[in-house]
Amino acid sequence: MNLNDTVSFHDVHEAVRERASRALPDTLVRYADLRFTPEGSLRAPSLPELTLNSWSKRQLAALLGVRWERWFSDAVSGTERAEETNRRLTRLPGEVKLRTIREERAPTGVVLRAMLGPNFSPIDDVRIFDTMAETFGRALDTFRFTRVDRTDATTIYSAVHVDVRKVGDDALLPGWTLRNSEVAGAALTIDDAWLRLACMNGLIVSVGEKRLLYRTHRKIDPDQLVAALAVAMKNLPSRWGQTLALMEAARSTLVPHPDAAIEAMLENAAIPRELVREAQTVALKDGDHSRYGVVQAVTYVAHGKNDDPELRFVLERSAGEYLMATEPASAANDGSGIVVRAVS
């Protein structure tokens, strides 16, 4: 990997600040005062006309008790949809907090990002990055961002340390992945992350079954946020060492049936069957039937055969959980210094 192709913390921070500058203030309105248009936009008092994105559509559909795709099929006219939607909205009690942002490409110029509870207190990306810049300063120069993925519901930032680590002859860069949602789509999390340079496979792990940071969205004062981020970053180096040791053990842990191991790994992760089958095929074709090889098959499919950032995150976390279940290398030794075990 060429580090010239990565992005500095400063550049990512500036992009986060620019996006935040386009956000309109959160607005509390009564459900009964919302009006849906025949064209599919939403009107609310004191706000411009709003274009719905995929996340706010999902939230509105849940409020109305409908399936969005069926509700907005060609079988129903725009006027009929608007009339029925507005009839249901007028019957909803209480208020809703609208999160909006200016987007030039949106039909109305302003996007409805989310419909939230009145007391929802998001920890916005810009607050996190401002706090990191103020707390860590130039120490962040040793990290480079390899990915910034944004969906309508979440943002995922992946950064790596510039110093290479080795597992055998395999070169890897350690780092962290920050995932957040400003619209109630996910908690704020920071996880240990790794990038394998040979194939650009990413991996997300929880050392000792503990994430670096996990915080649901509720009010948090500045000192608490500083402390949470400081603890997460301070713990990184020692956790990297523990992960490297398990990677070494995983390289010598044989898996007799890699396809079955992948099936078990992903069975509860809501992964599309075609991606599960692809990972099984990769594992069998590559011929590396170690626990480390199984991990690489799944993480390759996460980015090589998939373009959904959320699915990639789930696949990389699933592979990380499988890696972290590796037995320590001291479990067995054949006298040559090489640990050889077989697992199912």
Protein backbone atom coordinates (compact mmCIF):
# COMPACT_ATOMS: atom_id res chain seq x y z
CA MET A 1 0.00 0.00 0.00
CA ASN A 2 1.27 3.46 -0.88
CA LEU A 3 0.75 5.79 2.07
CA ASN A 4 0.59 8.67 -0.42
CA ASP A 5 -2.85 7.36 -1.36
CA THR A 6 -4.12 7.75 2.20
CA VAL A 7 -5.53 10.85 3.87
CA SER A 8 -4.31 12.75 6.90
CA PHE A 9 -6.33 13.33 10.05
CA HIS A 10 -6.33 17.06 9.24
CA ASP A 11 -7.92 16.50 5.82
CA VAL A 12 -10.60 14.19 7.20
CA HIS A 13 -11.28 16.65 10.02
CA GLU A 14 -11.75 19.47 7.50
CA ALA A 15 -14.19 17.37 5.46
CA VAL A 16 -16.17 16.56 8.62
CA ARG A 17 -16.30 20.24 9.56
CA GLU A 18 -17.44 21.23 6.07
CA ARG A 19 -20.30 18.74 6.18
CA ALA A 20 -21.29 19.92 9.66
CA SER A 21 -21.42 23.51 8.38
CA ARG A 22 -24.23 22.52 5.99
CA ALA A 23 -26.42 21.10 8.75
CA LEU A 24 -29.48 23.11 9.71
CA PRO A 25 -30.41 23.40 13.41
CA ASP A 26 -32.46 20.48 14.70
CA THR A 27 -36.13 21.42 14.68
CA LEU A 28 -38.94 20.16 16.92
CA VAL A 29 -42.32 19.96 15.21
CA ARG A 30 -45.61 18.27 15.89
CA TYR A 31 -46.33 15.19 13.79
CA ALA A 32 -49.70 16.72 13.01
CA ASP A 33 -47.99 19.71 11.37
CA LEU A 34 -46.01 17.62 8.87
CA ARG A 35 -47.27 17.42 5.31
CA PHE A 36 -46.20 14.89 2.69
CA THR A 37 -46.37 16.05 -0.93
CA PRO A 38 -47.51 14.13 -4.03
CA GLU A 39 -43.91 14.43 -5.28
CA GLY A 40 -42.59 12.56 -2.23
CA SER A 41 -41.06 15.42 -0.25
CA LEU A 42 -41.97 16.60 3.25
CA ARG A 43 -43.02 20.02 4.46
CA ALA A 44 -42.65 21.23 8.05
CA PRO A 45 -43.14 24.62 9.71
CA SER A 46 -40.07 26.92 9.61
CA LEU A 47 -38.12 24.56 7.31
CA PRO A 48 -37.55 24.41 3.56
CA GLU A 49 -39.19 21.57 1.64
CA LEU A 50 -37.32 18.37 2.48
CA THR A 51 -36.07 15.49 0.35
CA LEU A 52 -36.17 12.16 2.18
CA ASN A 53 -33.09 9.92 2.08
CA SER A 54 -33.14 6.15 2.56
CA TRP A 55 -32.88 6.40 6.36
CA SER A 56 -35.63 8.98 6.88
CA LYS A 57 -37.85 7.01 4.46
CA ARG A 58 -37.33 3.95 6.63
CA GLN A 59 -38.19 5.91 9.76
CA LEU A 60 -41.29 7.45 8.21
CA ALA A 61 -42.47 4.05 6.96
CA ALA A 62 -42.08 2.65 10.49
CA LEU A 63 -44.12 5.52 11.89
CA LEU A 64 -46.87 4.95 9.34
CA GLY A 65 -46.81 1.18 9.74
CA VAL A 66 -46.16 0.52 6.04
CA ARG A 67 -43.55 -1.04 3.76
CA TRP A 68 -41.94 1.77 1.84
CA GLU A 69 -41.43 -0.11 -1.44
CA ARG A 70 -45.06 -1.25 -1.57
CA TRP A 71 -46.40 2.08 -0.34
CA PHE A 72 -44.58 3.97 -3.09
CA SER A 73 -45.12 1.55 -5.94
CA ASP A 74 -46.62 2.72 -9.22
CA ALA A 75 -49.91 1.12 -8.26
CA VAL A 76 -50.76 4.15 -6.09
CA SER A 77 -50.75 7.72 -7.36
CA GLY A 78 -48.68 10.42 -5.67
CA THR A 79 -51.81 12.29 -4.67
CA GLU A 80 -53.34 9.21 -3.03
CA ARG A 81 -50.10 8.48 -1.16
CA ALA A 82 -49.90 12.03 0.11
CA GLU A 83 -53.51 12.04 1.28
CA GLU A 84 -53.16 8.76 3.19
CA THR A 85 -49.76 9.70 4.64
CA ASN A 86 -51.04 13.05 5.89
CA ARG A 87 -54.15 11.43 7.35
CA ARG A 88 -51.94 9.11 9.40
CA LEU A 89 -49.54 11.89 10.43
CA THR A 90 -52.36 14.04 11.80
CA ARG A 91 -53.33 11.17 14.10
CA LEU A 92 -49.85 10.77 15.59
CA PRO A 93 -49.47 12.44 19.01
CA GLY A 94 -46.45 14.37 20.19
CA GLU A 95 -43.40 15.93 18.57
CA VAL A 96 -40.49 14.80 16.46
CA LYS A 97 -36.97 16.20 16.07
CA LEU A 98 -36.00 16.72 12.42
CA ARG A 99 -32.32 16.58 11.43
CA THR A 100 -31.66 18.23 8.09
CA ILE A 101 -28.74 19.20 5.88
CA ARG A 102 -28.21 21.24 2.72
CA GLU A 103 -27.36 19.05 -0.27
CA GLU A 104 -27.08 20.68 -3.69
CA ARG A 105 -27.87 17.44 -5.52
CA ALA A 106 -31.10 16.85 -3.63
CA PRO A 107 -34.27 17.78 -5.57
CA THR A 108 -35.30 20.30 -2.91
CA GLY A 109 -31.78 21.32 -1.90
CA VAL A 110 -32.30 20.16 1.69
CA VAL A 111 -32.33 16.54 2.89
CA LEU A 112 -34.25 15.15 5.84
CA ARG A 113 -31.57 13.02 7.50
CA ALA A 114 -33.64 11.66 10.36
CA MET A 115 -36.85 11.79 12.38
CA LEU A 116 -35.77 11.49 16.02
CA GLY A 117 -37.25 11.49 19.49
CA PRO A 118 -37.37 14.94 21.11
CA ASN A 119 -34.78 13.96 23.75
CA PHE A 120 -32.31 12.20 21.45
CA SER A 121 -28.82 13.68 22.02
CA PRO A 122 -26.44 12.61 19.24
CA ILE A 123 -22.67 12.77 19.57
CA ASP A 124 -21.90 14.31 16.20
CA ASP A 125 -18.85 13.44 14.11
CA VAL A 126 -17.61 17.02 14.18
CA ARG A 127 -17.63 17.04 17.99
CA ILE A 128 -15.61 13.82 18.07
CA PHE A 129 -13.03 15.05 15.56
CA ASP A 130 -12.77 18.49 17.19
CA THR A 131 -12.16 16.79 20.53
CA MET A 132 -9.53 14.45 19.08
CA ALA A 133 -7.70 17.36 17.43
CA GLU A 134 -7.68 19.37 20.65
CA THR A 135 -6.69 16.39 22.83
CA PHE A 136 -4.03 14.61 20.74
CA GLY A 137 -2.71 17.30 18.39
CA ARG A 138 0.30 16.24 16.31
CA ALA A 139 0.24 12.72 17.75
CA LEU A 140 -2.46 12.01 15.18
CA ASP A 141 0.07 12.61 12.38
CA THR A 142 1.24 9.00 12.81
CA PHE A 143 -2.15 7.80 11.54
CA ARG A 144 -3.39 7.84 7.96
CA PHE A 145 -6.98 7.29 6.89
CA THR A 146 -7.50 4.49 4.40
CA ARG A 147 -11.29 4.72 4.21
CA VAL A 148 -14.10 7.12 4.98
CA ASP A 149 -17.43 5.43 4.30
CA ARG A 150 -20.68 7.31 4.61
CA THR A 151 -24.20 5.92 4.38
CA ASP A 152 -27.47 7.66 5.16
CA ALA A 153 -27.40 6.01 8.59
CA THR A 154 -23.72 5.78 9.60
CA THR A 155 -20.18 6.99 9.04
CA ILE A 156 -17.14 4.71 9.27
CA TYR A 157 -13.60 6.07 9.51
CA SER A 158 -10.64 3.67 9.25
CA ALA A 159 -7.11 4.84 10.10
CA VAL A 160 -3.79 2.96 10.25
CA HIS A 161 -0.49 3.63 11.99
CA VAL A 162 2.38 4.28 9.58
CA ASP A 163 4.69 1.64 11.13
CA VAL A 164 4.44 -1.86 9.63
CA ARG A 165 4.08 -4.93 11.86
CA LYS A 166 4.92 -8.45 10.73
CA VAL A 167 3.22 -11.82 11.18
CA GLY A 168 5.76 -14.18 9.65
CA ASP A 169 6.45 -12.58 6.27
CA ASP A 170 3.03 -10.93 6.21
CA ALA A 171 3.09 -7.13 6.52
CA LEU A 172 0.22 -5.43 8.34
CA LEU A 173 -0.65 -1.95 9.54
CA PRO A 174 -2.47 -1.62 12.89
CA GLY A 175 -4.98 1.11 13.53
CA TRP A 176 -8.55 1.84 14.55
CA THR A 177 -12.02 2.10 13.07
CA LEU A 178 -14.50 4.67 14.32
CA ARG A 179 -18.17 4.07 13.51
CA ASN A 180 -20.86 6.55 14.40
CA SER A 181 -24.41 7.55 13.60
CA GLU A 182 -25.76 11.04 14.02
CA VAL A 183 -29.25 9.79 13.19
CA ALA A 184 -29.88 6.96 15.69
CA GLY A 185 -28.62 4.23 13.37
CA ALA A 186 -25.80 2.95 15.62
CA ALA A 187 -23.83 3.70 18.78
CA LEU A 188 -20.48 5.49 18.77
CA THR A 189 -17.75 2.82 18.69
CA ILE A 190 -14.00 2.63 18.23
CA ASP A 191 -12.43 -0.76 17.48
CA ASP A 192 -8.90 -2.06 16.91
CA ALA A 193 -8.38 -2.45 13.17
CA TRP A 194 -5.75 -4.03 10.93
CA LEU A 195 -4.90 -3.74 7.24
CA ARG A 196 -3.06 -6.56 5.48
CA LEU A 197 -0.88 -4.93 2.84
CA ALA A 198 -0.63 -7.92 0.47
CA CYS A 199 -4.32 -7.86 -0.40
CA MET A 200 -5.71 -4.78 1.42
CA ASN A 201 -7.88 -6.96 3.67
CA GLY A 202 -9.27 -5.10 6.67
CA LEU A 203 -9.93 -6.68 10.05
CA ILE A 204 -11.73 -5.40 13.15
CA VAL A 205 -11.03 -7.03 16.52
CA SER A 206 -12.07 -6.69 20.16
CA VAL A 207 -9.16 -7.59 22.43
CA GLY A 208 -10.35 -9.50 25.48
CA GLU A 209 -13.88 -9.14 24.11
CA LYS A 210 -13.71 -5.43 24.91
CA ARG A 211 -14.06 -2.65 22.35
CA LEU A 212 -11.88 0.43 22.63
CA LEU A 213 -14.97 2.60 23.07
CA TYR A 214 -18.70 1.96 23.07
CA ARG A 215 -21.13 4.77 23.81
CA THR A 216 -24.85 4.96 23.11
CA HIS A 217 -26.10 8.39 22.08
CA ARG A 218 -26.99 10.36 25.16
CA LYS A 219 -25.74 13.57 26.71
CA ILE A 220 -22.01 13.56 27.45
CA ASP A 221 -20.07 16.52 28.79
CA PRO A 222 -16.76 17.59 27.18
CA ASP A 223 -14.54 16.14 29.94
CA GLN A 224 -16.24 12.75 29.69
CA LEU A 225 -15.75 12.64 25.92
CA VAL A 226 -12.08 13.61 26.26
CA ALA A 227 -11.53 10.89 28.87
CA ALA A 228 -13.26 8.21 26.79
CA LEU A 229 -11.21 9.03 23.67
CA ALA A 230 -7.96 9.32 25.66
CA VAL A 231 -8.39 5.89 27.24
CA ALA A 232 -9.16 4.34 23.85
CA MET A 233 -6.06 5.77 22.17
CA LYS A 234 -3.78 5.04 25.15
CA ASN A 235 -4.73 1.36 25.12
CA LEU A 236 -4.03 0.82 21.42
CA PRO A 237 -0.32 -0.21 21.43
CA SER A 238 -0.64 -2.92 24.10
CA ARG A 239 -3.72 -4.33 22.39
CA TRP A 240 -1.89 -4.48 19.06
CA GLY A 241 0.74 -6.66 20.70
CA GLN A 242 -1.89 -9.08 21.99
CA THR A 243 -3.51 -9.30 18.57
CA LEU A 244 -0.19 -10.00 16.83
CA ALA A 245 0.44 -12.90 19.19
CA LEU A 246 -2.94 -14.41 18.36
CA MET A 247 -2.32 -13.92 14.64
CA GLU A 248 0.91 -15.91 14.96
CA ALA A 249 -0.98 -18.67 16.78
CA ALA A 250 -3.75 -18.61 14.15
CA ARG A 251 -1.21 -19.20 11.36
CA SER A 252 -0.33 -22.58 12.86
CA THR A 253 -3.84 -23.59 13.88
CA LEU A 254 -5.22 -25.94 11.24
CA VAL A 255 -8.89 -25.88 10.25
CA PRO A 256 -9.91 -29.22 8.70
CA HIS A 257 -13.10 -27.79 7.17
CA PRO A 258 -12.72 -24.07 6.33
CA ASP A 259 -16.11 -23.95 4.59
CA ALA A 260 -17.88 -25.20 7.71
CA ALA A 261 -15.91 -22.76 9.88
CA ILE A 262 -17.04 -19.85 7.68
CA GLU A 263 -20.64 -21.05 7.76
CA ALA A 264 -20.56 -21.11 11.56
CA MET A 265 -18.77 -17.76 11.75
CA LEU A 266 -21.35 -15.92 9.64
CA GLU A 267 -24.57 -17.76 10.46
CA ASN A 268 -25.80 -15.11 12.90
CA ALA A 269 -24.41 -12.08 11.07
CA ALA A 270 -27.22 -11.55 8.50
CA ILE A 271 -24.75 -11.85 5.63
CA PRO A 272 -26.17 -12.54 2.13
CA ARG A 273 -25.75 -16.17 1.14
CA GLU A 274 -23.77 -15.29 -1.98
CA LEU A 275 -21.07 -13.62 0.12
CA VAL A 276 -20.91 -16.58 2.50
CA ARG A 277 -20.48 -18.94 -0.45
CA GLU A 278 -17.85 -16.65 -1.99
CA ALA A 279 -15.83 -16.65 1.24
CA GLN A 280 -16.03 -20.45 1.39
CA THR A 281 -14.81 -20.69 -2.22
CA VAL A 282 -11.91 -18.32 -1.57
CA ALA A 283 -10.82 -20.26 1.52
CA LEU A 284 -10.84 -23.58 -0.31
CA LYS A 285 -9.13 -22.23 -3.44
CA ASP A 286 -6.36 -20.39 -1.59
CA GLY A 287 -5.37 -23.57 0.18
CA ASP A 288 -4.42 -21.84 3.43
CA HIS A 289 -6.46 -23.96 5.83
CA SER A 290 -5.14 -22.28 8.94
CA ARG A 291 -7.32 -20.17 11.17
CA TYR A 292 -5.44 -17.14 9.80
CA GLY A 293 -6.28 -18.23 6.23
CA VAL A 294 -9.98 -18.51 7.05
CA VAL A 295 -9.91 -14.97 8.45
CA GLN A 296 -8.25 -13.67 5.28
CA ALA A 297 -10.86 -15.36 3.05
CA VAL A 298 -13.69 -13.57 4.87
CA THR A 299 -11.96 -10.20 4.98
CA TYR A 300 -11.07 -10.42 1.29
CA VAL A 301 -14.73 -10.93 0.40
CA ALA A 302 -15.63 -8.01 2.70
CA HIS A 303 -13.96 -5.55 0.34
CA GLY A 304 -13.26 -7.50 -2.86
CA LYS A 305 -16.79 -8.77 -3.51
CA ASN A 306 -18.91 -6.27 -1.62
CA ASP A 307 -19.50 -2.52 -1.89
CA ASP A 308 -21.79 -2.01 1.12
CA PRO A 309 -19.83 -0.31 3.96
CA GLU A 310 -22.12 -1.72 6.63
CA LEU A 311 -21.76 -5.29 5.35
CA ARG A 312 -18.01 -4.80 5.18
CA PHE A 313 -18.00 -3.67 8.80
CA VAL A 314 -20.01 -6.73 9.90
CA LEU A 315 -17.81 -9.14 7.92
CA GLU A 316 -14.59 -7.64 9.27
CA ARG A 317 -15.93 -7.78 12.84
CA SER A 318 -17.08 -11.38 12.41
CA ALA A 319 -13.64 -12.37 11.15
CA GLY A 320 -12.06 -10.52 14.07
CA GLU A 321 -14.18 -12.38 16.59
CA TYR A 322 -13.14 -15.66 14.99
CA LEU A 323 -9.47 -14.67 15.16
CA MET A 324 -9.71 -13.63 18.81
CA ALA A 325 -11.09 -17.06 19.72
CA THR A 326 -7.72 -18.59 18.71
CA GLU A 327 -5.98 -20.46 21.52
CA PRO A 328 -2.69 -18.86 22.65
CA ALA A 329 0.45 -20.28 21.02
CA SER A 330 1.61 -21.85 24.27
CA ALA A 331 -1.19 -24.43 24.04
CA ALA A 332 0.98 -26.96 22.18
CA ASN A 333 4.48 -27.26 20.76
CA ASP A 334 5.99 -30.10 18.76
CA GLY A 335 9.55 -29.33 19.84
CA SER A 336 10.45 -27.36 16.73
CA GLY A 337 9.08 -24.11 18.08
CA ILE A 338 6.08 -24.39 15.76
CA VAL A 339 2.66 -24.81 17.28
CA VAL A 340 0.43 -27.20 15.35
CA ARG A 341 -3.20 -27.73 16.31
CA ALA A 342 -6.34 -28.70 14.50
CA VAL A 343 -9.69 -27.10 15.18
CA SER A 344 -13.12 -27.54 13.66
